[in-house]
N, C-alpha and C. Protein backbone atom coordinates (compact mmCIF):
# COMPACT_ATOMS: atom_id res chain seq x y z
N MET A 1 -11.55 1.01 1.94
CA MET A 1 -11.13 0.31 3.13
C MET A 1 -9.60 0.35 3.20
N ILE A 2 -9.08 0.51 4.38
CA ILE A 2 -7.64 0.55 4.61
C ILE A 2 -7.27 -0.58 5.58
N TYR A 3 -6.22 -1.33 5.25
CA TYR A 3 -5.78 -2.41 6.13
C TYR A 3 -4.31 -2.73 5.87
N ILE A 4 -3.73 -3.51 6.77
CA ILE A 4 -2.34 -3.97 6.62
C ILE A 4 -2.38 -5.47 6.32
N ASP A 5 -1.79 -5.84 5.18
CA ASP A 5 -1.74 -7.24 4.76
C ASP A 5 -0.48 -7.86 5.36
N LYS A 6 -0.65 -8.72 6.35
CA LYS A 6 0.49 -9.35 7.02
C LYS A 6 0.87 -10.68 6.39
N ASN A 7 0.19 -11.06 5.30
CA ASN A 7 0.51 -12.30 4.59
C ASN A 7 1.59 -12.10 3.54
N THR A 8 2.02 -10.86 3.34
CA THR A 8 3.05 -10.56 2.34
C THR A 8 4.36 -10.23 3.03
N PHE A 9 5.46 -10.31 2.27
CA PHE A 9 6.75 -9.86 2.79
C PHE A 9 7.33 -8.86 1.82
N PRO A 10 7.56 -7.65 2.20
CA PRO A 10 7.26 -7.09 3.52
C PRO A 10 5.75 -6.90 3.68
N HIS A 11 5.31 -6.66 4.94
CA HIS A 11 3.90 -6.35 5.16
C HIS A 11 3.55 -5.14 4.31
N CYS A 12 2.29 -5.04 3.90
CA CYS A 12 1.87 -3.93 3.03
C CYS A 12 0.68 -3.20 3.60
N TYR A 13 0.73 -1.89 3.53
CA TYR A 13 -0.38 -1.01 3.86
C TYR A 13 -1.21 -0.89 2.59
N ILE A 14 -2.47 -1.32 2.63
CA ILE A 14 -3.30 -1.35 1.44
C ILE A 14 -4.51 -0.45 1.62
N GLU A 15 -4.70 0.43 0.65
CA GLU A 15 -5.85 1.33 0.64
C GLU A 15 -6.64 1.06 -0.63
N GLU A 16 -7.89 0.64 -0.47
CA GLU A 16 -8.74 0.36 -1.61
C GLU A 16 -9.41 1.66 -2.06
N ASN A 17 -9.26 1.99 -3.33
CA ASN A 17 -9.81 3.22 -3.90
C ASN A 17 -10.58 2.89 -5.17
N LYS A 18 -11.24 3.91 -5.73
CA LYS A 18 -11.93 3.76 -7.01
C LYS A 18 -11.57 4.95 -7.90
N PHE A 19 -11.38 4.65 -9.18
CA PHE A 19 -11.19 5.72 -10.15
C PHE A 19 -12.49 6.51 -10.29
N ASP A 20 -12.43 7.68 -10.93
CA ASP A 20 -13.62 8.51 -11.11
C ASP A 20 -14.74 7.76 -11.81
N TRP A 21 -14.39 6.82 -12.70
CA TRP A 21 -15.40 6.08 -13.46
C TRP A 21 -15.86 4.82 -12.74
N GLY A 22 -15.37 4.59 -11.49
CA GLY A 22 -15.89 3.52 -10.66
C GLY A 22 -15.07 2.25 -10.59
N GLU A 23 -14.04 2.13 -11.41
CA GLU A 23 -13.21 0.92 -11.38
C GLU A 23 -12.35 0.90 -10.12
N PRO A 24 -12.37 -0.21 -9.36
CA PRO A 24 -11.58 -0.29 -8.12
C PRO A 24 -10.10 -0.56 -8.39
N TYR A 25 -9.25 -0.07 -7.50
CA TYR A 25 -7.82 -0.37 -7.52
C TYR A 25 -7.29 -0.30 -6.10
N ASN A 26 -6.14 -0.93 -5.88
CA ASN A 26 -5.49 -0.93 -4.56
C ASN A 26 -4.23 -0.08 -4.62
N ASP A 27 -4.08 0.80 -3.65
CA ASP A 27 -2.85 1.58 -3.47
C ASP A 27 -2.04 0.84 -2.41
N ILE A 28 -0.91 0.23 -2.83
CA ILE A 28 -0.12 -0.64 -1.96
C ILE A 28 1.20 0.01 -1.59
N THR A 29 1.49 0.10 -0.29
CA THR A 29 2.74 0.67 0.21
C THR A 29 3.42 -0.35 1.11
N PRO A 30 4.64 -0.78 0.76
CA PRO A 30 5.34 -1.75 1.62
C PRO A 30 5.75 -1.12 2.94
N ILE A 31 5.75 -1.94 3.98
CA ILE A 31 6.15 -1.50 5.32
C ILE A 31 7.37 -2.32 5.73
N PHE A 32 8.49 -1.66 5.90
CA PHE A 32 9.71 -2.33 6.32
C PHE A 32 9.94 -2.07 7.80
N ASN A 33 10.09 -3.12 8.58
CA ASN A 33 10.33 -3.00 10.01
C ASN A 33 11.84 -3.11 10.25
N LEU A 34 12.51 -1.97 10.21
CA LEU A 34 13.96 -1.94 10.37
C LEU A 34 14.34 -1.03 11.53
N SER A 35 15.31 -1.44 12.31
CA SER A 35 15.81 -0.57 13.37
C SER A 35 17.25 -0.21 13.01
N ILE A 36 17.40 0.98 12.45
CA ILE A 36 18.70 1.47 12.00
C ILE A 36 18.91 2.86 12.58
N ASN A 37 20.12 3.12 13.00
CA ASN A 37 20.48 4.40 13.57
C ASN A 37 20.26 5.51 12.53
N PRO A 38 19.33 6.46 12.79
CA PRO A 38 19.06 7.52 11.82
C PRO A 38 20.19 8.57 11.72
N GLU A 39 21.16 8.49 12.61
CA GLU A 39 22.26 9.46 12.59
C GLU A 39 23.36 9.09 11.60
N LEU A 40 23.23 7.94 10.92
CA LEU A 40 24.22 7.54 9.93
C LEU A 40 24.16 8.47 8.72
N SER A 41 25.26 8.55 7.98
CA SER A 41 25.24 9.32 6.74
C SER A 41 24.31 8.63 5.75
N ASP A 42 23.95 9.31 4.68
CA ASP A 42 23.02 8.75 3.69
C ASP A 42 23.52 7.43 3.12
N ILE A 43 24.79 7.36 2.78
CA ILE A 43 25.33 6.14 2.18
C ILE A 43 25.37 5.00 3.20
N GLU A 44 25.77 5.31 4.44
CA GLU A 44 25.79 4.29 5.49
C GLU A 44 24.38 3.77 5.77
N TYR A 45 23.40 4.67 5.81
CA TYR A 45 22.02 4.29 6.05
C TYR A 45 21.51 3.39 4.93
N THR A 46 21.81 3.76 3.68
CA THR A 46 21.38 2.97 2.52
C THR A 46 21.98 1.57 2.57
N ILE A 47 23.25 1.48 2.90
CA ILE A 47 23.92 0.17 3.00
C ILE A 47 23.26 -0.68 4.08
N GLU A 48 22.95 -0.09 5.22
CA GLU A 48 22.29 -0.82 6.31
C GLU A 48 20.91 -1.31 5.88
N VAL A 49 20.13 -0.44 5.24
CA VAL A 49 18.78 -0.82 4.79
C VAL A 49 18.85 -1.97 3.79
N LEU A 50 19.69 -1.82 2.77
CA LEU A 50 19.81 -2.87 1.76
C LEU A 50 20.31 -4.18 2.35
N GLY A 51 21.24 -4.09 3.29
CA GLY A 51 21.75 -5.30 3.94
C GLY A 51 20.68 -6.02 4.73
N LYS A 52 19.87 -5.27 5.48
CA LYS A 52 18.82 -5.90 6.30
C LYS A 52 17.72 -6.49 5.41
N ILE A 53 17.34 -5.79 4.35
CA ILE A 53 16.31 -6.32 3.45
C ILE A 53 16.81 -7.57 2.76
N THR A 54 18.04 -7.54 2.27
CA THR A 54 18.61 -8.69 1.55
C THR A 54 18.71 -9.89 2.46
N SER A 55 19.13 -9.69 3.69
CA SER A 55 19.27 -10.82 4.62
C SER A 55 17.92 -11.44 4.95
N LYS A 56 16.83 -10.66 4.93
CA LYS A 56 15.52 -11.22 5.20
C LYS A 56 14.97 -11.98 4.01
N LEU A 57 15.44 -11.68 2.80
CA LEU A 57 14.95 -12.34 1.61
C LEU A 57 15.60 -13.71 1.40
N ILE A 58 16.78 -13.90 1.98
CA ILE A 58 17.52 -15.15 1.77
C ILE A 58 17.00 -16.24 2.67
């Protein structure tokens, strides 16, 4: 089953899988909702991402 868990911060894309021997596990991928100009240089983009994430955690 695949779903988005909106009770977590950040929201997470969760895919339920099973190992070959049948044991279940969850593949969890965080989803960050950020609006940042993609034309920035790598360092400028990184600074913007970290700044927005940090400000949401405080």
